[in-house]
Amino acid sequence: MRALYLLLLSLFLFSCAPASPEEFANESVYIQKELLKLFRTVETQEDLVEKGPKIRSLSYDLVALIKRANEYYKTTNEEIIQRELPVSKALKEEMKRIYEIEGGRSTVEKYQREALFLLDEIAK
């Protein structure tokens, strides 16, 4: 039963995958807003530990999106349009605040480590 559920879920996710630069940008904004909301609720390292699984999940989602966008641009030969979105700037500022919390940087990096390794593989 679990395998059927996973199959249906993966079919749904792949059928809803972005297919244009605008859709990639929209999904990116959504994931970044979710991370921003999550980080804004953090005041202590304990908060980070509590929210760690969600940080990990959203980090993987963002890397998966980057991977799909990279593959899209390789197959379509479209020019990559890079722009800093307001949510990206807000997320950077929130990350700076989180890093100032005692143990904040190491805790966040712990939950993002595997996703960042995947991102490094994409860049190669």
PDB file of N, CA and C in Angstrom:
ATOM      1  N   MET A   1       0.823  -1.189   0.000  1.00  0.00           N
ATOM      2  CA  MET A   1       0.000   0.000   0.000  1.00  0.00           C
ATOM      3  C   MET A   1       0.870   1.257   0.000  1.00  0.00           C
ATOM      4  N   ARG A   2       1.939   1.222   0.798  1.00  0.00           N
ATOM      5  CA  ARG A   2       2.826   2.380   0.872  1.00  0.00           C
ATOM      6  C   ARG A   2       3.484   2.648  -0.482  1.00  0.00           C
ATOM      7  N   ALA A   3       3.868   1.569  -1.180  1.00  0.00           N
ATOM      8  CA  ALA A   3       4.499   1.720  -2.492  1.00  0.00           C
ATOM      9  C   ALA A   3       3.529   2.370  -3.479  1.00  0.00           C
ATOM     10  N   LEU A   4       2.268   1.988  -3.414  1.00  0.00           N
ATOM     11  CA  LEU A   4       1.259   2.594  -4.288  1.00  0.00           C
ATOM     12  C   LEU A   4       1.108   4.082  -3.977  1.00  0.00           C
ATOM     13  N   TYR A   5       1.084   4.406  -2.711  1.00  0.00           N
ATOM     14  CA  TYR A   5       0.983   5.806  -2.303  1.00  0.00           C
ATOM     15  C   TYR A   5       2.171   6.609  -2.834  1.00  0.00           C
ATOM     16  N   LEU A   6       3.384   6.070  -2.675  1.00  0.00           N
ATOM     17  CA  LEU A   6       4.580   6.764  -3.161  1.00  0.00           C
ATOM     18  C   LEU A   6       4.562   6.910  -4.673  1.00  0.00           C
ATOM     19  N   LEU A   7       4.094   5.884  -5.379  1.00  0.00           N
ATOM     20  CA  LEU A   7       4.013   5.962  -6.829  1.00  0.00           C
ATOM     21  C   LEU A   7       3.036   7.050  -7.251  1.00  0.00           C
ATOM     22  N   LEU A   8       1.868   7.077  -6.645  1.00  0.00           N
ATOM     23  CA  LEU A   8       0.881   8.106  -6.984  1.00  0.00           C
ATOM     24  C   LEU A   8       1.387   9.502  -6.646  1.00  0.00           C
ATOM     25  N   LEU A   9       2.040   9.629  -5.520  1.00  0.00           N
ATOM     26  CA  LEU A   9       2.593  10.920  -5.124  1.00  0.00           C
ATOM     27  C   LEU A   9       3.659  11.383  -6.115  1.00  0.00           C
ATOM     28  N   SER A  10       4.555  10.482  -6.504  1.00  0.00           N
ATOM     29  CA  SER A  10       5.617  10.874  -7.443  1.00  0.00           C
ATOM     30  C   SER A  10       5.039  11.220  -8.814  1.00  0.00           C
ATOM     31  N   LEU A  11       4.021  10.483  -9.249  1.00  0.00           N
ATOM     32  CA  LEU A  11       3.372  10.831 -10.522  1.00  0.00           C
ATOM     33  C   LEU A  11       2.742  12.215 -10.456  1.00  0.00           C
ATOM     34  N   PHE A  12       2.104  12.509  -9.352  1.00  0.00           N
ATOM     35  CA  PHE A  12       1.499  13.833  -9.174  1.00  0.00           C
ATOM     36  C   PHE A  12       2.566  14.919  -9.180  1.00  0.00           C
ATOM     37  N   LEU A  13       3.638  14.709  -8.448  1.00  0.00           N
ATOM     38  CA  LEU A  13       4.688  15.716  -8.364  1.00  0.00           C
ATOM     39  C   LEU A  13       5.348  15.959  -9.709  1.00  0.00           C
ATOM     40  N   PHE A  14       5.615  14.893 -10.450  1.00  0.00           N
ATOM     41  CA  PHE A  14       6.281  15.072 -11.734  1.00  0.00           C
ATOM     42  C   PHE A  14       5.335  15.653 -12.771  1.00  0.00           C
ATOM     43  N   SER A  15       4.058  15.371 -12.668  1.00  0.00           N
ATOM     44  CA  SER A  15       3.123  15.947 -13.627  1.00  0.00           C
ATOM     45  C   SER A  15       2.922  17.431 -13.369  1.00  0.00           C
ATOM     46  N   CYS A  16       3.234  17.878 -12.166  1.00  0.00           N
ATOM     47  CA  CYS A  16       3.077  19.286 -11.823  1.00  0.00           C
ATOM     48  C   CYS A  16       4.406  20.037 -11.853  1.00  0.00           C
ATOM     49  N   ALA A  17       5.428  19.410 -12.383  1.00  0.00           N
ATOM     50  CA  ALA A  17       6.751  20.033 -12.401  1.00  0.00           C
ATOM     51  C   ALA A  17       6.751  21.248 -13.314  1.00  0.00           C
ATOM     52  N   PRO A  18       7.517  22.261 -12.954  1.00  0.00           N
ATOM     53  CA  PRO A  18       7.577  23.469 -13.770  1.00  0.00           C
ATOM     54  C   PRO A  18       8.065  23.164 -15.184  1.00  0.00           C
ATOM     55  N   ALA A  19       7.546  23.925 -16.139  1.00  0.00           N
ATOM     56  CA  ALA A  19       7.920  23.702 -17.534  1.00  0.00           C
ATOM     57  C   ALA A  19       8.301  25.002 -18.237  1.00  0.00           C
ATOM     58  N   SER A  20       8.480  26.065 -17.485  1.00  0.00           N
ATOM     59  CA  SER A  20       8.891  27.334 -18.075  1.00  0.00           C
ATOM     60  C   SER A  20       9.688  28.121 -17.040  1.00  0.00           C
ATOM     61  N   PRO A  21      10.482  29.082 -17.499  1.00  0.00           N
ATOM     62  CA  PRO A  21      11.244  29.889 -16.545  1.00  0.00           C
ATOM     63  C   PRO A  21      10.358  30.570 -15.500  1.00  0.00           C
ATOM     64  N   GLU A  22       9.194  31.018 -15.900  1.00  0.00           N
ATOM     65  CA  GLU A  22       8.286  31.665 -14.952  1.00  0.00           C
ATOM     66  C   GLU A  22       7.811  30.696 -13.883  1.00  0.00           C
ATOM     67  N   GLU A  23       7.540  29.461 -14.288  1.00  0.00           N
ATOM     68  CA  GLU A  23       7.091  28.458 -13.323  1.00  0.00           C
ATOM     69  C   GLU A  23       8.216  28.086 -12.350  1.00  0.00           C
ATOM     70  N   PHE A  24       9.442  28.024 -12.863  1.00  0.00           N
ATOM     71  CA  PHE A  24      10.573  27.757 -11.969  1.00  0.00           C
ATOM     72  C   PHE A  24      10.709  28.893 -10.958  1.00  0.00           C
ATOM     73  N   ALA A  25      10.592  30.128 -11.438  1.00  0.00           N
ATOM     74  CA  ALA A  25      10.701  31.283 -10.540  1.00  0.00           C
ATOM     75  C   ALA A  25       9.591  31.262  -9.498  1.00  0.00           C
ATOM     76  N   ASN A  26       8.371  30.952  -9.911  1.00  0.00           N
ATOM     77  CA  ASN A  26       7.244  30.914  -8.975  1.00  0.00           C
ATOM     78  C   ASN A  26       7.431  29.844  -7.913  1.00  0.00           C
ATOM     79  N   GLU A  27       7.905  28.674  -8.321  1.00  0.00           N
ATOM     80  CA  GLU A  27       8.129  27.603  -7.343  1.00  0.00           C
ATOM     81  C   GLU A  27       9.275  27.974  -6.398  1.00  0.00           C
ATOM     82  N   SER A  28      10.292  28.615  -6.951  1.00  0.00           N
ATOM     83  CA  SER A  28      11.410  29.064  -6.124  1.00  0.00           C
ATOM     84  C   SER A  28      10.935  30.065  -5.076  1.00  0.00           C
ATOM     85  N   VAL A  29      10.115  31.006  -5.486  1.00  0.00           N
ATOM     86  CA  VAL A  29       9.581  31.997  -4.545  1.00  0.00           C
ATOM     87  C   VAL A  29       8.780  31.300  -3.454  1.00  0.00           C
ATOM     88  N   TYR A  30       7.966  30.333  -3.829  1.00  0.00           N
ATOM     89  CA  TYR A  30       7.157  29.614  -2.841  1.00  0.00           C
ATOM     90  C   TYR A  30       8.050  28.927  -1.799  1.00  0.00           C
ATOM     91  N   ILE A  31       9.062  28.200  -2.258  1.00  0.00           N
ATOM     92  CA  ILE A  31       9.944  27.484  -1.329  1.00  0.00           C
ATOM     93  C   ILE A  31      10.697  28.468  -0.439  1.00  0.00           C
ATOM     94  N   GLN A  32      11.188  29.552  -1.040  1.00  0.00           N
ATOM     95  CA  GLN A  32      11.920  30.545  -0.259  1.00  0.00           C
ATOM     96  C   GLN A  32      11.010  31.212   0.775  1.00  0.00           C
ATOM     97  N   LYS A  33       9.764  31.463   0.428  1.00  0.00           N
ATOM     98  CA  LYS A  33       8.826  32.047   1.396  1.00  0.00           C
ATOM     99  C   LYS A  33       8.566  31.084   2.549  1.00  0.00           C
ATOM    100  N   GLU A  34       8.490  29.801   2.235  1.00  0.00           N
ATOM    101  CA  GLU A  34       8.296  28.802   3.290  1.00  0.00           C
ATOM    102  C   GLU A  34       9.503  28.784   4.231  1.00  0.00           C
ATOM    103  N   LEU A  35      10.706  28.833   3.664  1.00  0.00           N
ATOM    104  CA  LEU A  35      11.910  28.897   4.496  1.00  0.00           C
ATOM    105  C   LEU A  35      11.928  30.177   5.323  1.00  0.00           C
ATOM    106  N   LEU A  36      11.558  31.278   4.711  1.00  0.00           N
ATOM    107  CA  LEU A  36      11.536  32.564   5.406  1.00  0.00           C
ATOM    108  C   LEU A  36      10.562  32.536   6.580  1.00  0.00           C
ATOM    109  N   LYS A  37       9.361  32.007   6.353  1.00  0.00           N
ATOM    110  CA  LYS A  37       8.386  31.885   7.449  1.00  0.00           C
ATOM    111  C   LYS A  37       8.934  31.026   8.573  1.00  0.00           C
ATOM    112  N   LEU A  38       9.570  29.934   8.197  1.00  0.00           N
ATOM    113  CA  LEU A  38      10.138  29.019   9.188  1.00  0.00           C
ATOM    114  C   LEU A  38      11.240  29.705   9.990  1.00  0.00           C
ATOM    115  N   PHE A  39      12.173  30.365   9.308  1.00  0.00           N
ATOM    116  CA  PHE A  39      13.293  31.015   9.990  1.00  0.00           C
ATOM    117  C   PHE A  39      12.825  32.175  10.872  1.00  0.00           C
ATOM    118  N   ARG A  40      11.765  32.830  10.481  1.00  0.00           N
ATOM    119  CA  ARG A  40      11.274  33.959  11.298  1.00  0.00           C
ATOM    120  C   ARG A  40      10.713  33.508  12.639  1.00  0.00           C
ATOM    121  N   THR A  41      10.436  32.229  12.774  1.00  0.00           N
ATOM    122  CA  THR A  41       9.924  31.718  14.052  1.00  0.00           C
ATOM    123  C   THR A  41      11.050  31.242  14.966  1.00  0.00           C
ATOM    124  N   VAL A  42      12.281  31.326  14.484  1.00  0.00           N
ATOM    125  CA  VAL A  42      13.429  30.819  15.229  1.00  0.00           C
ATOM    126  C   VAL A  42      14.040  31.927  16.089  1.00  0.00           C
ATOM    127  N   GLU A  43      14.188  31.620  17.377  1.00  0.00           N
ATOM    128  CA  GLU A  43      14.856  32.545  18.301  1.00  0.00           C
ATOM    129  C   GLU A  43      16.056  31.911  18.985  1.00  0.00           C
ATOM    130  N   THR A  44      16.083  30.573  19.036  1.00  0.00           N
ATOM    131  CA  THR A  44      17.149  29.864  19.747  1.00  0.00           C
ATOM    132  C   THR A  44      17.637  28.681  18.915  1.00  0.00           C
ATOM    133  N   GLN A  45      18.757  28.119  19.334  1.00  0.00           N
ATOM    134  CA  GLN A  45      19.266  26.926  18.674  1.00  0.00           C
ATOM    135  C   GLN A  45      18.274  25.770  18.837  1.00  0.00           C
ATOM    136  N   GLU A  46      17.605  25.730  19.967  1.00  0.00           N
ATOM    137  CA  GLU A  46      16.606  24.678  20.198  1.00  0.00           C
ATOM    138  C   GLU A  46      15.476  24.776  19.177  1.00  0.00           C
ATOM    139  N   ASP A  47      15.089  26.009  18.830  1.00  0.00           N
ATOM    140  CA  ASP A  47      14.072  26.195  17.792  1.00  0.00           C
ATOM    141  C   ASP A  47      14.553  25.611  16.469  1.00  0.00           C
ATOM    142  N   LEU A  48      15.832  25.830  16.172  1.00  0.00           N
ATOM    143  CA  LEU A  48      16.400  25.296  14.934  1.00  0.00           C
ATOM    144  C   LEU A  48      16.384  23.774  14.925  1.00  0.00           C
ATOM    145  N   VAL A  49      16.742  23.181  16.043  1.00  0.00           N
ATOM    146  CA  VAL A  49      16.743  21.723  16.137  1.00  0.00           C
ATOM    147  C   VAL A  49      15.326  21.190  15.937  1.00  0.00           C
ATOM    148  N   GLU A  50      14.363  21.850  16.547  1.00  0.00           N
ATOM    149  CA  GLU A  50      12.964  21.440  16.409  1.00  0.00           C
ATOM    150  C   GLU A  50      12.495  21.536  14.954  1.00  0.00           C
ATOM    151  N   LYS A  51      12.937  22.558  14.256  1.00  0.00           N
ATOM    152  CA  LYS A  51      12.501  22.791  12.882  1.00  0.00           C
ATOM    153  C   LYS A  51      13.446  22.170  11.852  1.00  0.00           C
ATOM    154  N   GLY A  52      14.471  21.470  12.344  1.00  0.00           N
ATOM    155  CA  GLY A  52      15.481  20.874  11.481  1.00  0.00           C
ATOM    156  C   GLY A  52      14.947  20.010  10.352  1.00  0.00           C
ATOM    157  N   PRO A  53      14.030  19.084  10.626  1.00  0.00           N
ATOM    158  CA  PRO A  53      13.519  18.246   9.533  1.00  0.00           C
ATOM    159  C   PRO A  53      12.831  19.062   8.430  1.00  0.00           C
ATOM    160  N   LYS A  54      12.136  20.107   8.808  1.00  0.00           N
ATOM    161  CA  LYS A  54      11.475  20.954   7.798  1.00  0.00           C
ATOM    162  C   LYS A  54      12.517  21.757   7.011  1.00  0.00           C
ATOM    163  N   ILE A  55      13.559  22.233   7.690  1.00  0.00           N
ATOM    164  CA  ILE A  55      14.654  22.935   7.003  1.00  0.00           C
ATOM    165  C   ILE A  55      15.284  21.999   5.982  1.00  0.00           C
ATOM    166  N   ARG A  56      15.542  20.760   6.403  1.00  0.00           N
ATOM    167  CA  ARG A  56      16.141  19.763   5.510  1.00  0.00           C
ATOM    168  C   ARG A  56      15.235  19.521   4.299  1.00  0.00           C
ATOM    169  N   SER A  57      13.966  19.337   4.538  1.00  0.00           N
ATOM    170  CA  SER A  57      13.012  19.055   3.471  1.00  0.00           C
ATOM    171  C   SER A  57      12.929  20.210   2.464  1.00  0.00           C
ATOM    172  N   LEU A  58      12.811  21.430   2.965  1.00  0.00           N
ATOM    173  CA  LEU A  58      12.725  22.580   2.066  1.00  0.00           C
ATOM    174  C   LEU A  58      14.032  22.795   1.313  1.00  0.00           C
ATOM    175  N   SER A  59      15.150  22.499   1.944  1.00  0.00           N
ATOM    176  CA  SER A  59      16.450  22.619   1.272  1.00  0.00           C
ATOM    177  C   SER A  59      16.532  21.626   0.115  1.00  0.00           C
ATOM    178  N   TYR A  60      16.081  20.397   0.353  1.00  0.00           N
ATOM    179  CA  TYR A  60      16.049  19.405  -0.715  1.00  0.00           C
ATOM    180  C   TYR A  60      15.110  19.848  -1.836  1.00  0.00           C
ATOM    181  N   ASP A  61      13.957  20.400  -1.467  1.00  0.00           N
ATOM    182  CA  ASP A  61      13.011  20.876  -2.479  1.00  0.00           C
ATOM    183  C   ASP A  61      13.646  21.943  -3.364  1.00  0.00           C
ATOM    184  N   LEU A  62      14.366  22.853  -2.746  1.00  0.00           N
ATOM    185  CA  LEU A  62      14.998  23.932  -3.503  1.00  0.00           C
ATOM    186  C   LEU A  62      16.091  23.379  -4.423  1.00  0.00           C
ATOM    187  N   VAL A  63      16.888  22.463  -3.935  1.00  0.00           N
ATOM    188  CA  VAL A  63      17.939  21.864  -4.765  1.00  0.00           C
ATOM    189  C   VAL A  63      17.318  21.052  -5.904  1.00  0.00           C
ATOM    190  N   ALA A  64      16.251  20.328  -5.628  1.00  0.00           N
ATOM    191  CA  ALA A  64      15.570  19.561  -6.680  1.00  0.00           C
ATOM    192  C   ALA A  64      15.041  20.499  -7.760  1.00  0.00           C
ATOM    193  N   LEU A  65      14.519  21.636  -7.343  1.00  0.00           N
ATOM    194  CA  LEU A  65      14.035  22.627  -8.300  1.00  0.00           C
ATOM    195  C   LEU A  65      15.187  23.165  -9.142  1.00  0.00           C
ATOM    196  N   ILE A  66      16.299  23.462  -8.504  1.00  0.00           N
ATOM    197  CA  ILE A  66      17.475  23.954  -9.231  1.00  0.00           C
ATOM    198  C   ILE A  66      17.939  22.902 -10.240  1.00  0.00           C
ATOM    199  N   LYS A  67      17.925  21.649  -9.831  1.00  0.00           N
ATOM    200  CA  LYS A  67      18.339  20.565 -10.736  1.00  0.00           C
ATOM    201  C   LYS A  67      17.400  20.486 -11.936  1.00  0.00           C
ATOM    202  N   ARG A  68      16.084  20.543 -11.693  1.00  0.00           N
ATOM    203  CA  ARG A  68      15.126  20.493 -12.808  1.00  0.00           C
ATOM    204  C   ARG A  68      15.276  21.699 -13.721  1.00  0.00           C
ATOM    205  N   ALA A  69      15.507  22.869 -13.132  1.00  0.00           N
ATOM    206  CA  ALA A  69      15.691  24.078 -13.940  1.00  0.00           C
ATOM    207  C   ALA A  69      16.953  23.950 -14.783  1.00  0.00           C
ATOM    208  N   ASN A  70      18.008  23.431 -14.194  1.00  0.00           N
ATOM    209  CA  ASN A  70      19.264  23.240 -14.918  1.00  0.00           C
ATOM    210  C   ASN A  70      19.055  22.300 -16.109  1.00  0.00           C
ATOM    211  N   GLU A  71      18.352  21.197 -15.878  1.00  0.00           N
ATOM    212  CA  GLU A  71      18.070  20.252 -16.959  1.00  0.00           C
ATOM    213  C   GLU A  71      17.192  20.896 -18.029  1.00  0.00           C
ATOM    214  N   TYR A  72      16.217  21.676 -17.608  1.00  0.00           N
ATOM    215  CA  TYR A  72      15.339  22.377 -18.550  1.00  0.00           C
ATOM    216  C   TYR A  72      16.152  23.288 -19.460  1.00  0.00           C
ATOM    217  N   TYR A  73      17.024  24.086 -18.863  1.00  0.00           N
ATOM    218  CA  TYR A  73      17.807  25.023 -19.663  1.00  0.00           C
ATOM    219  C   TYR A  73      18.789  24.301 -20.580  1.00  0.00           C
ATOM    220  N   LYS A  74      19.302  23.166 -20.166  1.00  0.00           N
ATOM    221  CA  LYS A  74      20.198  22.397 -21.029  1.00  0.00           C
ATOM    222  C   LYS A  74      19.462  21.832 -22.243  1.00  0.00           C
ATOM    223  N   THR A  75      18.221  21.381 -22.041  1.00  0.00           N
ATOM    224  CA  THR A  75      17.479  20.757 -23.142  1.00  0.00           C
ATOM    225  C   THR A  75      16.813  21.779 -24.058  1.00  0.00           C
ATOM    226  N   THR A  76      16.493  22.956 -23.544  1.00  0.00           N
ATOM    227  CA  THR A  76      15.803  23.949 -24.371  1.00  0.00           C
ATOM    228  C   THR A  76      16.745  24.984 -24.962  1.00  0.00           C
ATOM    229  N   ASN A  77      17.958  25.041 -24.445  1.00  0.00           N
ATOM    230  CA  ASN A  77      18.936  26.042 -24.882  1.00  0.00           C
ATOM    231  C   ASN A  77      18.457  27.474 -24.680  1.00  0.00           C
ATOM    232  N   GLU A  78      17.500  27.664 -23.785  1.00  0.00           N
ATOM    233  CA  GLU A  78      17.070  29.021 -23.447  1.00  0.00           C
ATOM    234  C   GLU A  78      18.139  29.673 -22.593  1.00  0.00           C
ATOM    235  N   GLU A  79      18.200  30.982 -22.666  1.00  0.00           N
ATOM    236  CA  GLU A  79      19.146  31.723 -21.842  1.00  0.00           C
ATOM    237  C   GLU A  79      18.624  31.779 -20.413  1.00  0.00           C
ATOM    238  N   ILE A  80      19.511  31.534 -19.475  1.00  0.00           N
ATOM    239  CA  ILE A  80      19.136  31.584 -18.068  1.00  0.00           C
ATOM    240  C   ILE A  80      19.016  33.044 -17.652  1.00  0.00           C
ATOM    241  N   ILE A  81      17.871  33.360 -17.098  1.00  0.00           N
ATOM    242  CA  ILE A  81      17.639  34.717 -16.614  1.00  0.00           C
ATOM    243  C   ILE A  81      17.792  34.685 -15.104  1.00  0.00           C
ATOM    244  N   GLN A  82      18.797  35.360 -14.620  1.00  0.00           N
ATOM    245  CA  GLN A  82      19.023  35.399 -13.174  1.00  0.00           C
ATOM    246  C   GLN A  82      18.600  36.758 -12.654  1.00  0.00           C
ATOM    247  N   ARG A  83      17.817  36.721 -11.606  1.00  0.00           N
ATOM    248  CA  ARG A  83      17.412  37.964 -10.957  1.00  0.00           C
ATOM    249  C   ARG A  83      17.253  37.682  -9.473  1.00  0.00           C
ATOM    250  N   GLU A  84      17.577  38.674  -8.694  1.00  0.00           N
ATOM    251  CA  GLU A  84      17.389  38.505  -7.259  1.00  0.00           C
ATOM    252  C   GLU A  84      15.978  38.959  -6.917  1.00  0.00           C
ATOM    253  N   LEU A  85      15.228  38.060  -6.374  1.00  0.00           N
ATOM    254  CA  LEU A  85      13.848  38.352  -6.001  1.00  0.00           C
ATOM    255  C   LEU A  85      13.822  38.957  -4.601  1.00  0.00           C
ATOM    256  N   PRO A  86      12.833  39.794  -4.307  1.00  0.00           N
ATOM    257  CA  PRO A  86      12.758  40.379  -2.956  1.00  0.00           C
ATOM    258  C   PRO A  86      12.766  39.324  -1.850  1.00  0.00           C
ATOM    259  N   VAL A  87      12.122  38.197  -2.090  1.00  0.00           N
ATOM    260  CA  VAL A  87      12.101  37.147  -1.073  1.00  0.00           C
ATOM    261  C   VAL A  87      13.507  36.584  -0.865  1.00  0.00           C
ATOM    262  N   SER A  88      14.315  36.533  -1.923  1.00  0.00           N
ATOM    263  CA  SER A  88      15.691  36.042  -1.792  1.00  0.00           C
ATOM    264  C   SER A  88      16.501  36.955  -0.881  1.00  0.00           C
ATOM    265  N   LYS A  89      16.321  38.250  -1.070  1.00  0.00           N
ATOM    266  CA  LYS A  89      17.032  39.223  -0.241  1.00  0.00           C
ATOM    267  C   LYS A  89      16.584  39.098   1.221  1.00  0.00           C
ATOM    268  N   ALA A  90      15.289  38.961   1.435  1.00  0.00           N
ATOM    269  CA  ALA A  90      14.760  38.814   2.799  1.00  0.00           C
ATOM    270  C   ALA A  90      15.273  37.530   3.442  1.00  0.00           C
ATOM    271  N   LEU A  91      15.361  36.458   2.654  1.00  0.00           N
ATOM    272  CA  LEU A  91      15.854  35.190   3.175  1.00  0.00           C
ATOM    273  C   LEU A  91      17.327  35.306   3.565  1.00  0.00           C
ATOM    274  N   LYS A  92      18.113  36.002   2.758  1.00  0.00           N
ATOM    275  CA  LYS A  92      19.525  36.218   3.100  1.00  0.00           C
ATOM    276  C   LYS A  92      19.651  36.967   4.429  1.00  0.00           C
ATOM    277  N   GLU A  93      18.846  37.995   4.602  1.00  0.00           N
ATOM    278  CA  GLU A  93      18.892  38.772   5.844  1.00  0.00           C
ATOM    279  C   GLU A  93      18.492  37.910   7.044  1.00  0.00           C
ATOM    280  N   GLU A  94      17.491  37.087   6.852  1.00  0.00           N
ATOM    281  CA  GLU A  94      17.044  36.202   7.943  1.00  0.00           C
ATOM    282  C   GLU A  94      18.115  35.172   8.268  1.00  0.00           C
ATOM    283  N   MET A  95      18.803  34.674   7.247  1.00  0.00           N
ATOM    284  CA  MET A  95      19.885  33.724   7.482  1.00  0.00           C
ATOM    285  C   MET A  95      21.016  34.389   8.280  1.00  0.00           C
ATOM    286  N   LYS A  96      21.312  35.637   7.982  1.00  0.00           N
ATOM    287  CA  LYS A  96      22.335  36.354   8.754  1.00  0.00           C
ATOM    288  C   LYS A  96      21.933  36.417  10.222  1.00  0.00           C
ATOM    289  N   ARG A  97      20.648  36.689  10.470  1.00  0.00           N
ATOM    290  CA  ARG A  97      20.158  36.748  11.855  1.00  0.00           C
ATOM    291  C   ARG A  97      20.288  35.383  12.524  1.00  0.00           C
ATOM    292  N   ILE A  98      19.905  34.340  11.813  1.00  0.00           N
ATOM    293  CA  ILE A  98      19.980  32.977  12.362  1.00  0.00           C
ATOM    294  C   ILE A  98      21.427  32.620  12.680  1.00  0.00           C
ATOM    295  N   TYR A  99      22.347  33.000  11.808  1.00  0.00           N
ATOM    296  CA  TYR A  99      23.758  32.679  12.021  1.00  0.00           C
ATOM    297  C   TYR A  99      24.328  33.379  13.250  1.00  0.00           C
ATOM    298  N   GLU A 100      23.725  34.475  13.670  1.00  0.00           N
ATOM    299  CA  GLU A 100      24.188  35.185  14.857  1.00  0.00           C
ATOM    300  C   GLU A 100      23.743  34.521  16.155  1.00  0.00           C
ATOM    301  N   ILE A 101      22.747  33.650  16.076  1.00  0.00           N
ATOM    302  CA  ILE A 101      22.304  32.897  17.251  1.00  0.00           C
ATOM    303  C   ILE A 101      23.407  31.904  17.607  1.00  0.00           C
ATOM    304  N   GLU A 102      23.696  31.766  18.890  1.00  0.00           N
ATOM    305  CA  GLU A 102      24.735  30.820  19.308  1.00  0.00           C
ATOM    306  C   GLU A 102      24.409  29.424  18.779  1.00  0.00           C
ATOM    307  N   GLY A 103      25.333  28.869  18.010  1.00  0.00           N
ATOM    308  CA  GLY A 103      25.141  27.550  17.411  1.00  0.00           C
ATOM    309  C   GLY A 103      24.242  27.552  16.193  1.00  0.00           C
ATOM    310  N   GLY A 104      23.768  28.718  15.793  1.00  0.00           N
ATOM    311  CA  GLY A 104      22.827  28.808  14.672  1.00  0.00           C
ATOM    312  C   GLY A 104      23.409  28.359  13.350  1.00  0.00           C
ATOM    313  N   ARG A 105      24.593  28.873  13.035  1.00  0.00           N
ATOM    314  CA  ARG A 105      25.212  28.539  11.752  1.00  0.00           C
ATOM    315  C   ARG A 105      25.448  27.034  11.634  1.00  0.00           C
ATOM    316  N   SER A 106      26.054  26.439  12.639  1.00  0.00           N
ATOM    317  CA  SER A 106      26.373  25.004  12.553  1.00  0.00           C
ATOM    318  C   SER A 106      25.105  24.156  12.501  1.00  0.00           C
ATOM    319  N   THR A 107      24.068  24.585  13.190  1.00  0.00           N
ATOM    320  CA  THR A 107      22.821  23.809  13.197  1.00  0.00           C
ATOM    321  C   THR A 107      22.147  23.872  11.833  1.00  0.00           C
ATOM    322  N   VAL A 108      22.057  25.065  11.253  1.00  0.00           N
ATOM    323  CA  VAL A 108      21.443  25.196   9.930  1.00  0.00           C
ATOM    324  C   VAL A 108      22.258  24.418   8.908  1.00  0.00           C
ATOM    325  N   GLU A 109      23.570  24.566   8.953  1.00  0.00           N
ATOM    326  CA  GLU A 109      24.430  23.869   7.990  1.00  0.00           C
ATOM    327  C   GLU A 109      24.298  22.360   8.119  1.00  0.00           C
ATOM    328  N   LYS A 110      24.083  21.889   9.323  1.00  0.00           N
ATOM    329  CA  LYS A 110      23.894  20.450   9.541  1.00  0.00           C
ATOM    330  C   LYS A 110      22.671  19.950   8.770  1.00  0.00           C
ATOM    331  N   TYR A 111      21.590  20.721   8.806  1.00  0.00           N
ATOM    332  CA  TYR A 111      20.362  20.300   8.126  1.00  0.00           C
ATOM    333  C   TYR A 111      20.402  20.540   6.627  1.00  0.00           C
ATOM    334  N   GLN A 112      21.260  21.428   6.173  1.00  0.00           N
ATOM    335  CA  GLN A 112      21.349  21.720   4.742  1.00  0.00           C
ATOM    336  C   GLN A 112      22.502  20.982   4.059  1.00  0.00           C
ATOM    337  N   ARG A 113      23.360  20.352   4.823  1.00  0.00           N
ATOM    338  CA  ARG A 113      24.595  19.761   4.293  1.00  0.00           C
ATOM    339  C   ARG A 113      24.354  18.838   3.101  1.00  0.00           C
ATOM    340  N   GLU A 114      23.482  17.866   3.236  1.00  0.00           N
ATOM    341  CA  GLU A 114      23.265  16.892   2.165  1.00  0.00           C
ATOM    342  C   GLU A 114      22.706  17.560   0.916  1.00  0.00           C
ATOM    343  N   ALA A 115      21.795  18.501   1.094  1.00  0.00           N
ATOM    344  CA  ALA A 115      21.235  19.218  -0.051  1.00  0.00           C
ATOM    345  C   ALA A 115      22.320  20.033  -0.745  1.00  0.00           C
ATOM    346  N   LEU A 116      23.219  20.610   0.032  1.00  0.00           N
ATOM    347  CA  LEU A 116      24.307  21.391  -0.565  1.00  0.00           C
ATOM    348  C   LEU A 116      25.285  20.506  -1.329  1.00  0.00           C
ATOM    349  N   PHE A 117      25.505  19.291  -0.855  1.00  0.00           N
ATOM    350  CA  PHE A 117      26.347  18.348  -1.604  1.00  0.00           C
ATOM    351  C   PHE A 117      25.710  18.054  -2.960  1.00  0.00           C
ATOM    352  N   LEU A 118      24.402  17.865  -2.974  1.00  0.00           N
ATOM    353  CA  LEU A 118      23.702  17.632  -4.234  1.00  0.00           C
ATOM    354  C   LEU A 118      23.827  18.845  -5.156  1.00  0.00           C
ATOM    355  N   LEU A 119      23.747  20.028  -4.574  1.00  0.00           N
ATOM    356  CA  LEU A 119      23.887  21.246  -5.353  1.00  0.00           C
ATOM    357  C   LEU A 119      25.276  21.346  -5.970  1.00  0.00           C
ATOM    358  N   ASP A 120      26.286  20.954  -5.213  1.00  0.00           N
ATOM    359  CA  ASP A 120      27.655  20.925  -5.749  1.00  0.00           C
ATOM    360  C   ASP A 120      27.764  19.979  -6.941  1.00  0.00           C
ATOM    361  N   GLU A 121      27.086  18.851  -6.875  1.00  0.00           N
ATOM    362  CA  GLU A 121      27.108  17.895  -7.989  1.00  0.00           C
ATOM    363  C   GLU A 121      26.477  18.501  -9.242  1.00  0.00           C
ATOM    364  N   ILE A 122      25.435  19.286  -9.080  1.00  0.00           N
ATOM    365  CA  ILE A 122      24.779  19.930 -10.211  1.00  0.00           C
ATOM    366  C   ILE A 122      25.726  20.934 -10.869  1.00  0.00           C
ATOM    367  N   ALA A 123      26.485  21.626 -10.056  1.00  0.00           N
ATOM    368  CA  ALA A 123      27.382  22.670 -10.550  1.00  0.00           C
ATOM    369  C   ALA A 123      28.556  22.103 -11.346  1.00  0.00           C
ATOM    370  N   LYS A 124      28.857  20.847 -11.162  1.00  0.00           N
ATOM    371  CA  LYS A 124      30.020  20.247 -11.845  1.00  0.00           C
ATOM    372  C   LYS A 124      29.737  20.002 -13.305  1.00  0.00           C
TER     373      LYS A 124
END
